[in-house]
Amino acid sequence: MDQTIQVSCKEAARLMSRQQDEALSTDEQEHLRNHLFVCLSCRRFDMQLGFLRRLARRYGEQGEDGGNGEQGEYGGDEKVAPKTTPPESGSSG
């Protein structure tokens, strides 16, 4: 009898994340593939992981300063803006 094992979105996310660093077993690959076939949210998450991985690789290839003079995919240099402190509440001019 062929039993299809259903994995939860949480388990699928764990497998997708692990897949970025190491090869999954054949069973894990099959379970993940089956889950991605039916779950749009997890397919989107998988695409986002891939995008972040490509972005990180590209940033690593540019070196620490990131300054190669090229614009990124979205027209900027794809650097994360520095954190700013929120304005103090209660001071309204």
C-alpha atoms as a PDB file:
ATOM      1  CA  MET A   1       0.000   0.000   0.000  1.00  0.00           C
ATOM      2  CA  ASP A   2       1.274   3.441  -0.919  1.00  0.00           C
ATOM      3  CA  GLN A   3       0.809   5.856   1.961  1.00  0.00           C
ATOM      4  CA  THR A   4       1.335   9.536   1.324  1.00  0.00           C
ATOM      5  CA  ILE A   5       2.770  11.261   4.362  1.00  0.00           C
ATOM      6  CA  GLN A   6       1.515  14.790   4.781  1.00  0.00           C
ATOM      7  CA  VAL A   7       3.932  17.327   6.199  1.00  0.00           C
ATOM      8  CA  SER A   8       2.798  20.497   7.926  1.00  0.00           C
ATOM      9  CA  CYS A   9       3.778  23.941   6.730  1.00  0.00           C
ATOM     10  CA  LYS A  10       6.109  24.182   9.733  1.00  0.00           C
ATOM     11  CA  GLU A  11       7.865  20.953   8.748  1.00  0.00           C
ATOM     12  CA  ALA A  12       7.974  22.027   5.090  1.00  0.00           C
ATOM     13  CA  ALA A  13       9.609  25.326   6.090  1.00  0.00           C
ATOM     14  CA  ARG A  14      12.178  23.418   8.141  1.00  0.00           C
ATOM     15  CA  LEU A  15      12.945  21.182   5.150  1.00  0.00           C
ATOM     16  CA  MET A  16      13.200  24.139   2.761  1.00  0.00           C
ATOM     17  CA  SER A  17      15.589  25.890   5.100  1.00  0.00           C
ATOM     18  CA  ARG A  18      17.709  22.779   5.593  1.00  0.00           C
ATOM     19  CA  GLN A  19      17.737  22.188   1.838  1.00  0.00           C
ATOM     20  CA  GLN A  20      19.596  25.486   1.424  1.00  0.00           C
ATOM     21  CA  ASP A  21      22.565  24.024   3.314  1.00  0.00           C
ATOM     22  CA  GLU A  22      22.513  20.287   2.696  1.00  0.00           C
ATOM     23  CA  ALA A  23      20.942  17.605   0.544  1.00  0.00           C
ATOM     24  CA  LEU A  24      17.676  16.123   1.738  1.00  0.00           C
ATOM     25  CA  SER A  25      16.984  12.413   1.703  1.00  0.00           C
ATOM     26  CA  THR A  26      14.894  11.055  -1.160  1.00  0.00           C
ATOM     27  CA  ASP A  27      11.893  10.668   1.154  1.00  0.00           C
ATOM     28  CA  GLU A  28      12.261  14.222   2.463  1.00  0.00           C
ATOM     29  CA  GLN A  29      12.498  15.577  -1.081  1.00  0.00           C
ATOM     30  CA  GLU A  30       9.347  13.708  -2.052  1.00  0.00           C
ATOM     31  CA  HIS A  31       7.397  14.877   1.002  1.00  0.00           C
ATOM     32  CA  LEU A  32       8.471  18.465   0.413  1.00  0.00           C
ATOM     33  CA  ARG A  33       7.644  18.292  -3.298  1.00  0.00           C
ATOM     34  CA  ASN A  34       4.166  16.923  -2.502  1.00  0.00           C
ATOM     35  CA  HIS A  35       3.544  19.641   0.054  1.00  0.00           C
ATOM     36  CA  LEU A  36       4.712  22.398  -2.304  1.00  0.00           C
ATOM     37  CA  PHE A  37       2.388  21.039  -4.972  1.00  0.00           C
ATOM     38  CA  VAL A  38      -0.671  21.763  -2.809  1.00  0.00           C
ATOM     39  CA  CYS A  39       0.450  24.739  -0.670  1.00  0.00           C
ATOM     40  CA  LEU A  40       0.755  28.140  -2.349  1.00  0.00           C
ATOM     41  CA  SER A  41       2.055  29.844   0.803  1.00  0.00           C
ATOM     42  CA  CYS A  42       4.955  27.410   1.102  1.00  0.00           C
ATOM     43  CA  ARG A  43       5.764  27.737  -2.611  1.00  0.00           C
ATOM     44  CA  ARG A  44       6.008  31.484  -2.108  1.00  0.00           C
ATOM     45  CA  PHE A  45       8.194  30.989   0.971  1.00  0.00           C
ATOM     46  CA  ASP A  46      10.467  28.693  -1.042  1.00  0.00           C
ATOM     47  CA  MET A  47      10.793  31.373  -3.725  1.00  0.00           C
ATOM     48  CA  GLN A  48      11.630  33.970  -1.062  1.00  0.00           C
ATOM     49  CA  LEU A  49      14.332  31.722   0.398  1.00  0.00           C
ATOM     50  CA  GLY A  50      15.853  31.333  -3.046  1.00  0.00           C
ATOM     51  CA  PHE A  51      15.786  35.078  -3.616  1.00  0.00           C
ATOM     52  CA  LEU A  52      17.465  35.772  -0.269  1.00  0.00           C
ATOM     53  CA  ARG A  53      20.120  33.164  -0.976  1.00  0.00           C
ATOM     54  CA  ARG A  54      20.916  34.688  -4.384  1.00  0.00           C
ATOM     55  CA  LEU A  55      20.997  38.158  -2.836  1.00  0.00           C
ATOM     56  CA  ALA A  56      23.371  37.035  -0.085  1.00  0.00           C
ATOM     57  CA  ARG A  57      25.670  35.362  -2.616  1.00  0.00           C
ATOM     58  CA  ARG A  58      25.711  38.466  -4.777  1.00  0.00           C
ATOM     59  CA  TYR A  59      26.488  40.635  -1.762  1.00  0.00           C
ATOM     60  CA  GLY A  60      29.291  38.262  -0.743  1.00  0.00           C
ATOM     61  CA  GLU A  61      30.778  38.401  -4.228  1.00  0.00           C
ATOM     62  CA  GLN A  62      30.886  42.205  -4.100  1.00  0.00           C
ATOM     63  CA  GLY A  63      33.007  42.251  -0.962  1.00  0.00           C
ATOM     64  CA  GLU A  64      32.341  44.014   2.294  1.00  0.00           C
ATOM     65  CA  ASP A  65      31.924  47.502   0.842  1.00  0.00           C
ATOM     66  CA  GLY A  66      29.477  46.259  -1.808  1.00  0.00           C
ATOM     67  CA  GLY A  67      30.624  49.041  -4.086  1.00  0.00           C
ATOM     68  CA  ASN A  68      30.926  47.805  -7.625  1.00  0.00           C
ATOM     69  CA  GLY A  69      28.984  50.706  -9.073  1.00  0.00           C
ATOM     70  CA  GLU A  70      26.165  48.518 -10.353  1.00  0.00           C
ATOM     71  CA  GLN A  71      22.555  48.879  -9.467  1.00  0.00           C
ATOM     72  CA  GLY A  72      20.634  45.943  -8.101  1.00  0.00           C
ATOM     73  CA  GLU A  73      17.623  44.179  -9.509  1.00  0.00           C
ATOM     74  CA  TYR A  74      15.223  46.774  -8.089  1.00  0.00           C
ATOM     75  CA  GLY A  75      17.152  49.869  -9.149  1.00  0.00           C
ATOM     76  CA  GLY A  76      19.013  50.349  -5.865  1.00  0.00           C
ATOM     77  CA  ASP A  77      22.149  48.871  -4.471  1.00  0.00           C
ATOM     78  CA  GLU A  78      20.024  46.366  -2.485  1.00  0.00           C
ATOM     79  CA  LYS A  79      21.587  47.291   0.826  1.00  0.00           C
ATOM     80  CA  VAL A  80      19.478  47.302   3.927  1.00  0.00           C
ATOM     81  CA  ALA A  81      18.870  50.783   5.263  1.00  0.00           C
ATOM     82  CA  PRO A  82      20.422  51.480   8.658  1.00  0.00           C
ATOM     83  CA  LYS A  83      18.125  51.311  11.625  1.00  0.00           C
ATOM     84  CA  THR A  84      16.825  54.662  12.713  1.00  0.00           C
ATOM     85  CA  THR A  85      15.549  55.550  16.131  1.00  0.00           C
ATOM     86  CA  PRO A  86      11.857  56.401  16.263  1.00  0.00           C
ATOM     87  CA  PRO A  87      10.935  59.970  17.232  1.00  0.00           C
ATOM     88  CA  GLU A  88      10.185  60.468  20.875  1.00  0.00           C
ATOM     89  CA  SER A  89       6.489  60.372  21.567  1.00  0.00           C
ATOM     90  CA  GLY A  90       4.811  63.300  23.252  1.00  0.00           C
ATOM     91  CA  SER A  91       6.967  66.011  21.679  1.00  0.00           C
ATOM     92  CA  SER A  92       4.821  67.679  19.060  1.00  0.00           C
ATOM     93  CA  GLY A  93       6.585  70.862  18.167  1.00  0.00           C
END
